[in-house]
C-alpha cells in the first residue's frame, strides 16, 4: 500500500501540515531542514515530497505513485533527484562541487531539480560554505532538503536559509502500531517500543533473536525473584551473567527489568492498558499483590542507581550482583 500525506501526518502532524500547505498553495520553500531523531519519518517525508514535487499525475497534493517519475524516485533512479550521503565520516567539498556542477545543467526531463543531503551535520566547513552559496542563489526550480539528527551542528548561516521542520519522537502507541503493521507480534512490539522511541531500532530489536532471548531471561529472573528467591542467584549466574556479559548488554537487562517494575506500578494505579509484558499478566498481578507501590518505586530507584554504577565503572557482573542482592535481600521489595 502506497504511503500518503495522511499516513505521514499521523506521525508528524505539524511538519506535514507545513509541507502539505506548501504544495497546495504552490509555495514550497527552496530549502528545508528536516531535524529529528532516527526513525521518526524524515527520509520517508523527503521521498514523498520528492514524489509530489515531480509527479505530473498528482491528485491535488497527493503524488500518484504509479507514473514514471514516482517509480524512479522510489527506485532511486530519477535523473533529476540527487541524494548526497557522507563519504566516510563526512560530506566533503568535492561532493558539493559535483552536485553544484550537475545542477548547473538543465533538468533532463523537466526544469525541476531536487537534492537531498543526509546527515547534513557531517558537512565539512568547506563543504558547508560551498553549499551555502548554492542555497543563497538557487538556480531555477530547485528544491533542497537537508536531513539531520543534530541541527545544532549545522552552520548557522545555512540554518537561516532553510525552513526548519522539527520531527518529534513517535509516541509509544504509534510505534507499536507501526511494528504491528510490519508483522511484529504484539508482545515484541510493546517490548521494543518500551526500550526505544526510534522506529528503526525498534524494528531491528523486535526481530532480533538476542533481544527475544534477553526478554525471556529477564522475565525468568524476575519470576524467580518473586516465587523462588533462593533460586534467583543460580539464574543470575547461569543465565543472566552469561547472556549480559558486557556493559551494553547489561544496559539492556536493566532496561528490561525497569519495564517489569513499571508494569507493577501500572497495575497499582489501574493503568492495565499500559502494561508492556502483557503475556506475564498473572506473574505481574502476583508481584503487585506482594509489593506496595512504594516498594515498586524503591525498585525503580535501585535500577536507576544501577544504571549510574554501570556508567561509572563499567563492570557488568558487579552491577548485576549489586542489583540481585538488593532486590533479594536489602531493598525489601517483595513482602
Protein backbone atom coordinates (compact mmCIF):
# COMPACT_ATOMS: atom_id res chain seq x y z
CA UNK A 1 0.00 0.00 0.00
CA UNK A 2 1.44 3.36 -1.09
CA UNK A 3 2.33 5.94 1.53
CA UNK A 4 0.19 9.10 1.63
CA UNK A 5 0.46 12.51 3.24
CA UNK A 6 -2.22 11.38 5.68
CA UNK A 7 -0.02 8.44 6.75
CA UNK A 8 2.91 10.79 7.38
CA UNK A 9 0.70 13.34 9.15
CA UNK A 10 -0.32 10.71 11.72
CA UNK A 11 3.32 10.53 12.78
CA UNK A 12 4.35 14.16 12.31
CA UNK A 13 1.24 16.37 12.09
CA UNK A 14 2.93 19.78 12.49
CA UNK A 15 5.76 19.20 10.00
CA UNK A 16 3.50 17.55 7.42
CA UNK A 17 0.90 20.33 7.66
CA UNK A 18 3.58 22.83 6.58
CA UNK A 19 4.66 20.69 3.62
CA UNK A 20 1.09 19.91 2.57
CA UNK A 21 0.13 23.58 2.64
CA UNK A 22 3.25 24.46 0.65
CA UNK A 23 2.29 22.03 -2.10
CA UNK A 24 -1.39 23.00 -2.01
CA UNK A 25 -0.60 26.71 -2.36
CA UNK A 26 2.36 26.19 -4.70
CA UNK A 27 4.58 27.95 -2.17
CA UNK A 28 7.23 25.44 -1.20
CA UNK A 29 10.39 26.89 0.29
CA UNK A 30 13.52 26.42 -1.81
CA UNK A 31 15.33 24.74 1.11
CA UNK A 32 14.16 22.64 4.07
CA UNK A 33 15.97 21.18 7.06
CA UNK A 34 14.31 18.06 8.48
CA UNK A 35 15.55 17.72 12.07
CA UNK A 36 14.80 14.90 14.50
CA UNK A 37 15.94 11.57 15.90
CA UNK A 38 16.34 8.34 13.99
CA UNK A 39 13.26 6.54 12.74
CA UNK A 40 10.79 9.43 13.06
CA UNK A 41 9.94 9.70 9.35
CA UNK A 42 12.42 12.26 7.97
CA UNK A 43 13.55 10.17 5.00
CA UNK A 44 10.02 8.99 4.21
CA UNK A 45 8.86 12.62 4.21
CA UNK A 46 11.75 13.66 1.93
CA UNK A 47 10.94 10.88 -0.55
CA UNK A 48 7.23 11.71 -0.54
CA UNK A 49 7.95 15.40 -1.02
CA UNK A 50 10.16 14.47 -3.99
CA UNK A 51 7.32 12.42 -5.49
CA UNK A 52 4.86 15.29 -5.01
CA UNK A 53 7.38 17.76 -6.48
CA UNK A 54 7.88 15.81 -9.71
CA UNK A 55 4.64 13.86 -10.18
CA UNK A 56 2.75 15.01 -13.28
CA UNK A 57 -0.34 12.96 -12.43
CA UNK A 58 -0.80 14.37 -8.94
CA UNK A 59 -4.26 14.23 -7.39
CA UNK A 60 -4.36 17.54 -5.53
CA UNK A 61 -1.33 17.34 -3.25
CA UNK A 62 -1.03 13.55 -3.45
CA UNK A 63 1.51 12.03 -5.90
CA UNK A 64 0.07 9.16 -7.92
CA UNK A 65 2.83 6.70 -7.03
CA UNK A 66 2.49 4.97 -10.40
CA UNK A 67 3.90 7.38 -13.01
CA UNK A 68 7.48 7.11 -14.31
CA UNK A 69 8.62 9.98 -12.06
CA UNK A 70 7.20 8.42 -8.89
CA UNK A 71 8.53 4.97 -9.73
CA UNK A 72 12.04 6.22 -10.49
CA UNK A 73 12.14 8.22 -7.27
CA UNK A 74 11.10 5.06 -5.40
CA UNK A 75 13.88 3.08 -7.09
CA UNK A 76 16.48 5.83 -6.59
CA UNK A 77 16.99 6.30 -10.32
CA UNK A 78 15.37 9.64 -11.10
CA UNK A 79 17.82 11.69 -13.21
CA UNK A 80 16.88 14.99 -11.54
CA UNK A 81 16.94 13.78 -7.92
CA UNK A 82 20.36 13.62 -6.26
CA UNK A 83 20.97 12.13 -2.82
CA UNK A 84 24.21 13.03 -1.06
CA UNK A 85 25.47 10.81 1.78
CA UNK A 86 28.66 11.01 3.86
CA UNK A 87 31.81 9.78 2.17
CA UNK A 88 33.34 8.02 5.15
CA UNK A 89 32.94 10.20 8.22
CA UNK A 90 31.99 13.45 6.48
CA UNK A 91 30.42 15.09 3.45
CA UNK A 92 33.30 16.69 1.60
CA UNK A 93 33.66 19.77 -0.58
CA UNK A 94 34.17 17.80 -3.85
CA UNK A 95 30.77 16.12 -3.30
CA UNK A 96 29.08 19.51 -3.07
CA UNK A 97 31.10 20.79 -6.03
CA UNK A 98 29.91 17.82 -8.08
CA UNK A 99 26.33 18.50 -7.01
CA UNK A 100 26.54 22.17 -7.99
CA UNK A 101 28.01 21.26 -11.37
CA UNK A 102 25.25 18.72 -12.03
CA UNK A 103 22.59 21.24 -11.06
CA UNK A 104 24.03 23.91 -13.36
CA UNK A 105 22.68 21.92 -16.30
CA UNK A 106 19.06 21.94 -17.38
CA UNK A 107 16.89 19.18 -15.93
CA UNK A 108 16.89 16.02 -18.01
CA UNK A 109 13.10 15.88 -18.42
CA UNK A 110 11.72 18.99 -16.69
CA UNK A 111 13.04 22.28 -15.39
CA UNK A 112 12.89 20.89 -11.85
CA UNK A 113 15.75 19.55 -9.76
CA UNK A 114 15.83 18.26 -6.20
CA UNK A 115 18.64 17.20 -3.92
CA UNK A 116 18.64 15.53 -0.52
CA UNK A 117 21.63 15.69 1.82
CA UNK A 118 21.51 13.01 4.51
CA UNK A 119 23.37 13.51 7.82
CA UNK A 120 23.88 17.14 6.87
CA UNK A 121 25.59 17.79 10.21
CA UNK A 122 28.60 15.89 8.79
CA UNK A 123 29.31 18.55 6.15
CA UNK A 124 32.89 19.76 6.47
CA UNK A 125 33.25 23.52 6.92
CA UNK A 126 34.43 23.86 3.30
CA UNK A 127 31.53 21.79 2.02
CA UNK A 128 29.06 23.73 4.16
CA UNK A 129 30.33 27.07 2.83
CA UNK A 130 30.09 25.83 -0.77
CA UNK A 131 26.55 24.62 -0.12
CA UNK A 132 25.64 27.96 1.48
CA UNK A 133 26.49 29.85 -1.71
CA UNK A 134 24.38 27.42 -3.71
CA UNK A 135 21.39 27.72 -1.35
CA UNK A 136 21.65 31.53 -1.35
CA UNK A 137 21.37 31.65 -5.12
CA UNK A 138 19.22 28.66 -6.16
CA UNK A 139 19.19 28.08 -9.89
CA UNK A 140 15.76 27.66 -11.47
CA UNK A 141 13.12 25.42 -9.93
CA UNK A 142 15.39 23.73 -7.40
CA UNK A 143 14.39 22.17 -4.08
CA UNK A 144 16.91 21.33 -1.34
CA UNK A 145 16.23 19.00 1.60
CA UNK A 146 18.77 18.62 4.39
CA UNK A 147 18.27 15.80 6.90
CA UNK A 148 19.91 15.71 10.31
CA UNK A 149 19.64 14.32 13.82
CA UNK A 150 21.81 17.18 15.15
CA UNK A 151 20.56 20.54 13.88
CA UNK A 152 22.77 22.35 16.42
CA UNK A 153 25.81 21.22 14.39
CA UNK A 154 24.55 22.82 11.17
CA UNK A 155 26.22 26.07 10.09
CA UNK A 156 24.08 28.93 11.41
CA UNK A 157 24.05 30.70 8.05
CA UNK A 158 22.68 27.54 6.38
CA UNK A 159 20.01 27.21 9.07
CA UNK A 160 18.93 30.78 8.39
CA UNK A 161 18.38 29.96 4.70
CA UNK A 162 16.26 26.86 5.40
CA UNK A 163 12.76 26.33 6.68
CA UNK A 164 13.41 24.09 9.68
CA UNK A 165 10.88 21.33 10.33
CA UNK A 166 11.20 19.51 13.65
CA UNK A 167 10.26 15.82 13.65
CA UNK A 168 9.17 14.71 17.12
CA UNK A 169 9.79 11.24 18.63
CA UNK A 170 6.98 8.82 17.82
CA UNK A 171 4.50 8.13 20.61
CA UNK A 172 4.56 4.62 22.07
CA UNK A 173 1.11 3.98 20.58
CA UNK A 174 2.22 4.96 17.06
CA UNK A 175 5.42 2.97 17.39
CA UNK A 176 3.54 -0.16 18.48
CA UNK A 177 1.10 0.30 15.60
CA UNK A 178 4.00 0.73 13.16
CA UNK A 179 5.61 -2.50 14.37
CA UNK A 180 2.33 -4.44 14.24
CA UNK A 181 1.84 -3.28 10.64
CA UNK A 182 5.28 -4.70 9.86
CA UNK A 183 4.39 -8.16 11.12
CA UNK A 184 5.84 -7.92 14.63
CA UNK A 185 3.95 -9.75 17.37
CA UNK A 186 2.11 -7.64 19.95
CA UNK A 187 4.37 -8.95 22.73
CA UNK A 188 7.58 -7.96 20.96
CA UNK A 189 6.11 -4.71 19.60
CA UNK A 190 5.24 -3.49 23.09
CA UNK A 191 8.62 -4.55 24.49
CA UNK A 192 10.71 -2.96 21.72
CA UNK A 193 8.71 0.28 21.87
CA UNK A 194 9.26 0.43 25.64
CA UNK A 195 13.03 0.19 25.14
CA UNK A 196 13.40 2.80 22.37
CA UNK A 197 11.38 5.51 20.61
CA UNK A 198 13.43 5.03 17.43
CA UNK A 199 11.29 3.21 14.85
CA UNK A 200 14.29 1.76 13.01
CA UNK A 201 15.91 0.49 16.20
CA UNK A 202 12.60 -0.85 17.50
CA UNK A 203 12.03 -2.76 14.25
CA UNK A 204 15.53 -4.25 14.40
CA UNK A 205 15.20 -5.21 18.07
CA UNK A 206 11.77 -6.78 17.64
CA UNK A 207 13.16 -9.17 15.03
CA UNK A 208 16.45 -9.88 16.80
CA UNK A 209 16.89 -13.31 18.38
CA UNK A 210 19.30 -11.99 21.05
CA UNK A 211 16.72 -9.42 22.15
CA UNK A 212 13.96 -12.05 22.30
CA UNK A 213 16.23 -14.27 24.43
CA UNK A 214 17.09 -11.28 26.62
CA UNK A 215 13.43 -10.68 27.30
CA UNK A 216 12.87 -14.34 28.22
CA UNK A 217 15.88 -14.47 30.55
CA UNK A 218 14.92 -11.28 32.37
CA UNK A 219 11.35 -12.44 32.85
CA UNK A 220 12.61 -15.80 34.14
CA UNK A 221 14.86 -13.97 36.59
CA UNK A 222 12.06 -11.68 37.78
CA UNK A 223 9.72 -14.62 38.32
CA UNK A 224 12.43 -16.44 40.27
CA UNK A 225 12.87 -13.39 42.49
CA UNK A 226 9.11 -13.41 43.02
CA UNK A 227 8.46 -17.11 43.63
CA UNK A 228 11.87 -18.77 44.21
CA UNK A 229 14.20 -16.13 45.68
CA UNK A 230 16.78 -18.74 46.75
CA UNK A 231 16.99 -19.99 43.18
CA UNK A 232 17.33 -16.48 41.71
CA UNK A 233 21.06 -16.40 42.49
CA UNK A 234 21.53 -19.51 40.31
CA UNK A 235 19.56 -17.92 37.47
CA UNK A 236 21.66 -14.81 37.86
CA UNK A 237 24.99 -16.61 37.37
CA UNK A 238 23.93 -19.37 34.97
CA UNK A 239 21.75 -17.27 32.66
CA UNK A 240 21.96 -13.51 33.24
CA UNK A 241 25.72 -13.20 33.75
CA UNK A 242 26.47 -15.28 30.65
CA UNK A 243 23.95 -13.58 28.37
CA UNK A 244 24.51 -9.97 29.51
CA UNK A 245 28.28 -10.19 29.57
CA UNK A 246 29.32 -6.65 28.66
CA UNK A 247 28.24 -3.13 29.57
CA UNK A 248 25.97 -2.55 26.58
CA UNK A 249 24.18 -5.85 27.12
CA UNK A 250 23.84 -5.17 30.83
CA UNK A 251 22.23 -1.80 30.00
CA UNK A 252 19.58 -3.74 28.11
CA UNK A 253 18.98 -6.06 31.07
CA UNK A 254 18.46 -3.10 33.37
CA UNK A 255 16.03 -1.53 30.89
CA UNK A 256 14.03 -4.75 30.68
CA UNK A 257 13.97 -5.01 34.47
CA UNK A 258 12.75 -1.41 34.72
CA UNK A 259 9.84 -2.31 32.47
CA UNK A 260 8.81 -5.09 34.89
CA UNK A 261 8.54 -2.73 37.85
CA UNK A 262 6.83 -0.04 35.76
CA UNK A 263 4.27 -2.66 34.82
CA UNK A 264 3.76 -3.40 38.52
CA UNK A 265 3.27 0.32 39.15
CA UNK A 266 0.76 0.46 36.27
CA UNK A 267 -1.28 -2.30 37.90
CA UNK A 268 -1.21 -0.48 41.24
CA UNK A 269 -2.71 2.68 39.72
CA UNK A 270 -5.18 0.87 37.49
CA UNK A 271 -3.45 1.55 34.15
CA UNK A 272 -3.57 -2.05 32.91
CA UNK A 273 -3.55 -0.91 29.28
CA UNK A 274 -0.04 0.46 29.83
CA UNK A 275 1.39 -2.92 30.81
CA UNK A 276 4.22 -3.94 28.46
CA UNK A 277 4.73 -7.56 29.47
CA UNK A 278 1.15 -8.46 28.54
CA UNK A 279 1.97 -12.17 28.34
CA UNK A 280 3.06 -12.15 32.00
CA UNK A 281 -0.03 -10.56 33.49
CA UNK A 282 -0.51 -13.37 36.02
CA UNK A 283 3.02 -13.01 37.39
CA UNK A 284 2.77 -9.21 37.40
CA UNK A 285 -0.53 -9.36 39.27
CA UNK A 286 1.08 -11.63 41.87
CA UNK A 287 4.00 -9.21 42.17
CA UNK A 288 1.60 -6.29 42.63
CA UNK A 289 -0.11 -8.20 45.42
CA UNK A 290 3.22 -8.93 47.16
CA UNK A 291 4.67 -5.42 46.99
CA UNK A 292 3.29 -1.97 47.61
CA UNK A 293 3.52 0.85 45.10
CA UNK A 294 6.20 2.40 47.33
CA UNK A 295 8.26 -0.79 47.18
CA UNK A 296 7.94 -0.88 43.39
CA UNK A 297 9.11 2.74 43.28
CA UNK A 298 12.05 1.72 45.52
CA UNK A 299 12.98 -0.99 43.00
CA UNK A 300 12.84 1.52 40.14
CA UNK A 301 15.18 3.85 42.04
CA UNK A 302 17.52 0.92 42.69
CA UNK A 303 17.68 0.08 38.99
CA UNK A 304 18.37 3.69 38.03
CA UNK A 305 21.18 3.73 40.56
CA UNK A 306 22.49 0.51 38.96
CA UNK A 307 22.50 2.27 35.59
CA UNK A 308 24.63 5.04 37.06
CA UNK A 309 27.02 2.49 38.57
CA UNK A 310 27.34 0.75 35.23
CA UNK A 311 28.06 4.07 33.54
CA UNK A 312 30.79 4.93 36.05
CA UNK A 313 32.65 1.63 36.49
CA UNK A 314 31.53 -0.45 33.52
CA UNK A 315 31.71 -3.79 35.36
CA UNK A 316 28.51 -5.61 34.34
CA UNK A 317 28.91 -8.55 36.75
CA UNK A 318 29.40 -6.36 39.81
CA UNK A 319 26.34 -4.31 38.86
CA UNK A 320 24.30 -7.47 38.34
CA UNK A 321 25.37 -8.82 41.74
CA UNK A 322 24.54 -5.48 43.37
CA UNK A 323 21.04 -5.38 41.86
CA UNK A 324 20.33 -9.02 42.67
CA UNK A 325 21.44 -8.70 46.27
CA UNK A 326 19.41 -5.53 46.82
CA UNK A 327 16.28 -6.93 45.23
CA UNK A 328 16.57 -10.25 47.04
CA UNK A 329 17.55 -9.09 50.49
CA UNK A 330 18.30 -5.44 51.06
CA UNK A 331 15.59 -3.43 49.36
CA UNK A 332 12.54 -5.05 50.93
CA UNK A 333 10.90 -5.18 47.51
CA UNK A 334 8.89 -8.37 47.89
CA UNK A 335 6.80 -8.62 51.03
